[in-house]
Amino acid sequence: MAKQGSLGEFEHLVMLAVLRHAEGVYGARIGRELEERAGRRVSRGALYSALERLHQKGFVAYTVEDAGPERGGHPRRRFEVTSSGRAALRDYQRAVRNLSVGIEEL
């Protein structure tokens, strides 16, 4: 069983980007989502480190897909948010909402 943990700000953004794709999503698309929707450019290393942490926490899962010739024989991973990850997102967003009460002018 994967170890649960807290959710950091960048991990939160990564999970939201993954969650936008019900069928699962590849790392390159997650990076584009972060750039387009959150205005954050991230290195491949930072992105895959975050995805690995989220996997270790049990918040994301992935399936390895066979590689075709277009990827030079390299397989790729399709990421999805787990039910534990969805619960962690709800908890994180609830905490942000609760802490924001009374400071709406921001």
C-alpha atoms as a PDB file:
ATOM      1  CA  MET A   1       0.000   0.000   0.000  1.00  0.00           C
ATOM      2  CA  ALA A   2       1.280   3.440  -0.911  1.00  0.00           C
ATOM      3  CA  LYS A   3       2.076   5.888   1.846  1.00  0.00           C
ATOM      4  CA  GLN A   4      -0.249   8.898   2.093  1.00  0.00           C
ATOM      5  CA  GLY A   5       1.123  12.371   2.629  1.00  0.00           C
ATOM      6  CA  SER A   6       0.359  16.045   2.343  1.00  0.00           C
ATOM      7  CA  LEU A   7      -0.094  17.837  -0.940  1.00  0.00           C
ATOM      8  CA  GLY A   8       2.297  20.631  -1.919  1.00  0.00           C
ATOM      9  CA  GLU A   9       1.362  23.613  -4.092  1.00  0.00           C
ATOM     10  CA  PHE A  10       3.133  22.348  -7.227  1.00  0.00           C
ATOM     11  CA  GLU A  11       1.792  18.835  -6.693  1.00  0.00           C
ATOM     12  CA  HIS A  12      -1.681  20.356  -6.414  1.00  0.00           C
ATOM     13  CA  LEU A  13      -1.262  22.024  -9.828  1.00  0.00           C
ATOM     14  CA  VAL A  14       0.097  18.832 -11.383  1.00  0.00           C
ATOM     15  CA  MET A  15      -2.843  16.807 -10.079  1.00  0.00           C
ATOM     16  CA  LEU A  16      -5.337  19.347 -11.410  1.00  0.00           C
ATOM     17  CA  ALA A  17      -3.662  19.143 -14.825  1.00  0.00           C
ATOM     18  CA  VAL A  18      -3.908  15.334 -14.738  1.00  0.00           C
ATOM     19  CA  LEU A  19      -7.510  15.438 -13.552  1.00  0.00           C
ATOM     20  CA  ARG A  20      -8.510  17.472 -16.624  1.00  0.00           C
ATOM     21  CA  HIS A  21      -8.061  14.271 -18.675  1.00  0.00           C
ATOM     22  CA  ALA A  22     -10.508  11.556 -17.628  1.00  0.00           C
ATOM     23  CA  GLU A  23      -8.854   9.029 -19.942  1.00  0.00           C
ATOM     24  CA  GLY A  24      -5.414   9.656 -18.448  1.00  0.00           C
ATOM     25  CA  VAL A  25      -2.630  11.853 -19.747  1.00  0.00           C
ATOM     26  CA  TYR A  26       1.054  11.727 -20.666  1.00  0.00           C
ATOM     27  CA  GLY A  27       3.741  13.823 -19.026  1.00  0.00           C
ATOM     28  CA  ALA A  28       4.283  16.111 -22.014  1.00  0.00           C
ATOM     29  CA  ARG A  29       0.599  17.090 -22.030  1.00  0.00           C
ATOM     30  CA  ILE A  30       0.686  17.735 -18.270  1.00  0.00           C
ATOM     31  CA  GLY A  31       3.573  20.145 -18.850  1.00  0.00           C
ATOM     32  CA  ARG A  32       1.630  21.957 -21.582  1.00  0.00           C
ATOM     33  CA  GLU A  33      -1.437  22.218 -19.316  1.00  0.00           C
ATOM     34  CA  LEU A  34       0.684  23.798 -16.590  1.00  0.00           C
ATOM     35  CA  GLU A  35       2.169  26.269 -19.047  1.00  0.00           C
ATOM     36  CA  GLU A  36      -1.104  27.155 -20.803  1.00  0.00           C
ATOM     37  CA  ARG A  37      -3.509  27.206 -17.884  1.00  0.00           C
ATOM     38  CA  ALA A  38      -1.330  28.049 -14.871  1.00  0.00           C
ATOM     39  CA  GLY A  39       1.324  30.137 -16.604  1.00  0.00           C
ATOM     40  CA  ARG A  40       4.065  27.884 -15.196  1.00  0.00           C
ATOM     41  CA  ARG A  41       6.895  26.538 -17.271  1.00  0.00           C
ATOM     42  CA  VAL A  42       8.397  23.466 -15.675  1.00  0.00           C
ATOM     43  CA  SER A  43      11.353  21.318 -16.538  1.00  0.00           C
ATOM     44  CA  ARG A  44      10.833  17.679 -17.383  1.00  0.00           C
ATOM     45  CA  GLY A  45      12.832  16.733 -14.312  1.00  0.00           C
ATOM     46  CA  ALA A  46      10.694  18.800 -11.945  1.00  0.00           C
ATOM     47  CA  LEU A  47       7.491  17.454 -13.488  1.00  0.00           C
ATOM     48  CA  TYR A  48       8.496  13.795 -13.339  1.00  0.00           C
ATOM     49  CA  SER A  49       9.869  14.216  -9.799  1.00  0.00           C
ATOM     50  CA  ALA A  50       6.489  15.584  -8.721  1.00  0.00           C
ATOM     51  CA  LEU A  51       4.649  12.763 -10.521  1.00  0.00           C
ATOM     52  CA  GLU A  52       6.872  10.205  -8.788  1.00  0.00           C
ATOM     53  CA  ARG A  53       6.196  11.792  -5.361  1.00  0.00           C
ATOM     54  CA  LEU A  54       2.457  11.745  -6.101  1.00  0.00           C
ATOM     55  CA  HIS A  55       2.715   8.103  -7.136  1.00  0.00           C
ATOM     56  CA  GLN A  56       4.599   7.253  -3.923  1.00  0.00           C
ATOM     57  CA  LYS A  57       1.845   8.977  -1.910  1.00  0.00           C
ATOM     58  CA  GLY A  58      -0.811   6.996  -3.765  1.00  0.00           C
ATOM     59  CA  PHE A  59      -2.357  10.107  -5.340  1.00  0.00           C
ATOM     60  CA  VAL A  60      -1.622   9.219  -8.971  1.00  0.00           C
ATOM     61  CA  ALA A  61      -1.310   5.920 -10.771  1.00  0.00           C
ATOM     62  CA  TYR A  62       0.086   5.180 -14.187  1.00  0.00           C
ATOM     63  CA  THR A  63       0.045   2.517 -16.832  1.00  0.00           C
ATOM     64  CA  VAL A  64       3.021   1.867 -19.058  1.00  0.00           C
ATOM     65  CA  GLU A  65       2.164   1.778 -22.738  1.00  0.00           C
ATOM     66  CA  ASP A  66       4.208   0.065 -25.430  1.00  0.00           C
ATOM     67  CA  ALA A  67       6.393   2.312 -27.488  1.00  0.00           C
ATOM     68  CA  GLY A  68       6.052   2.796 -31.188  1.00  0.00           C
ATOM     69  CA  PRO A  69       8.728   3.792 -33.660  1.00  0.00           C
ATOM     70  CA  GLU A  70       7.802   7.486 -33.238  1.00  0.00           C
ATOM     71  CA  ARG A  71       9.241   7.352 -29.684  1.00  0.00           C
ATOM     72  CA  GLY A  72      12.388   5.481 -30.653  1.00  0.00           C
ATOM     73  CA  GLY A  73      11.234   2.361 -28.826  1.00  0.00           C
ATOM     74  CA  HIS A  74      10.727   4.134 -25.479  1.00  0.00           C
ATOM     75  CA  PRO A  75       7.525   3.285 -23.594  1.00  0.00           C
ATOM     76  CA  ARG A  76       5.479   6.061 -22.031  1.00  0.00           C
ATOM     77  CA  ARG A  77       3.345   6.382 -18.936  1.00  0.00           C
ATOM     78  CA  ARG A  78      -0.300   7.459 -18.868  1.00  0.00           C
ATOM     79  CA  PHE A  79      -1.139   9.122 -15.537  1.00  0.00           C
ATOM     80  CA  GLU A  80      -4.469   9.221 -13.699  1.00  0.00           C
ATOM     81  CA  VAL A  81      -5.548  10.657 -10.346  1.00  0.00           C
ATOM     82  CA  THR A  82      -6.556   7.945  -7.859  1.00  0.00           C
ATOM     83  CA  SER A  83      -9.505   8.085  -5.470  1.00  0.00           C
ATOM     84  CA  SER A  84      -7.028   8.943  -2.684  1.00  0.00           C
ATOM     85  CA  GLY A  85      -5.684  11.731  -4.874  1.00  0.00           C
ATOM     86  CA  ARG A  86      -9.182  13.105  -5.432  1.00  0.00           C
ATOM     87  CA  ALA A  87      -9.740  13.109  -1.664  1.00  0.00           C
ATOM     88  CA  ALA A  88      -6.410  14.915  -1.137  1.00  0.00           C
ATOM     89  CA  LEU A  89      -7.429  17.525  -3.732  1.00  0.00           C
ATOM     90  CA  ARG A  90     -10.767  18.075  -1.986  1.00  0.00           C
ATOM     91  CA  ASP A  91      -9.009  18.465   1.377  1.00  0.00           C
ATOM     92  CA  TYR A  92      -6.462  20.905  -0.076  1.00  0.00           C
ATOM     93  CA  GLN A  93      -9.119  23.010  -1.767  1.00  0.00           C
ATOM     94  CA  ARG A  94     -11.285  23.006   1.364  1.00  0.00           C
ATOM     95  CA  ALA A  95      -8.340  24.275   3.409  1.00  0.00           C
ATOM     96  CA  VAL A  96      -7.661  27.063   0.895  1.00  0.00           C
ATOM     97  CA  ARG A  97     -11.340  28.095   0.890  1.00  0.00           C
ATOM     98  CA  ASN A  98     -11.473  28.082   4.688  1.00  0.00           C
ATOM     99  CA  LEU A  99      -8.311  30.145   4.988  1.00  0.00           C
ATOM    100  CA  SER A 100      -9.590  32.606   2.348  1.00  0.00           C
ATOM    101  CA  VAL A 101     -12.760  33.488   4.240  1.00  0.00           C
ATOM    102  CA  GLY A 102     -12.558  37.121   5.278  1.00  0.00           C
ATOM    103  CA  ILE A 103      -9.781  38.076   2.885  1.00  0.00           C
ATOM    104  CA  GLU A 104     -11.777  38.140  -0.361  1.00  0.00           C
ATOM    105  CA  GLU A 105     -10.215  41.462  -1.380  1.00  0.00           C
ATOM    106  CA  LEU A 106      -7.089  39.586  -2.440  1.00  0.00           C
END
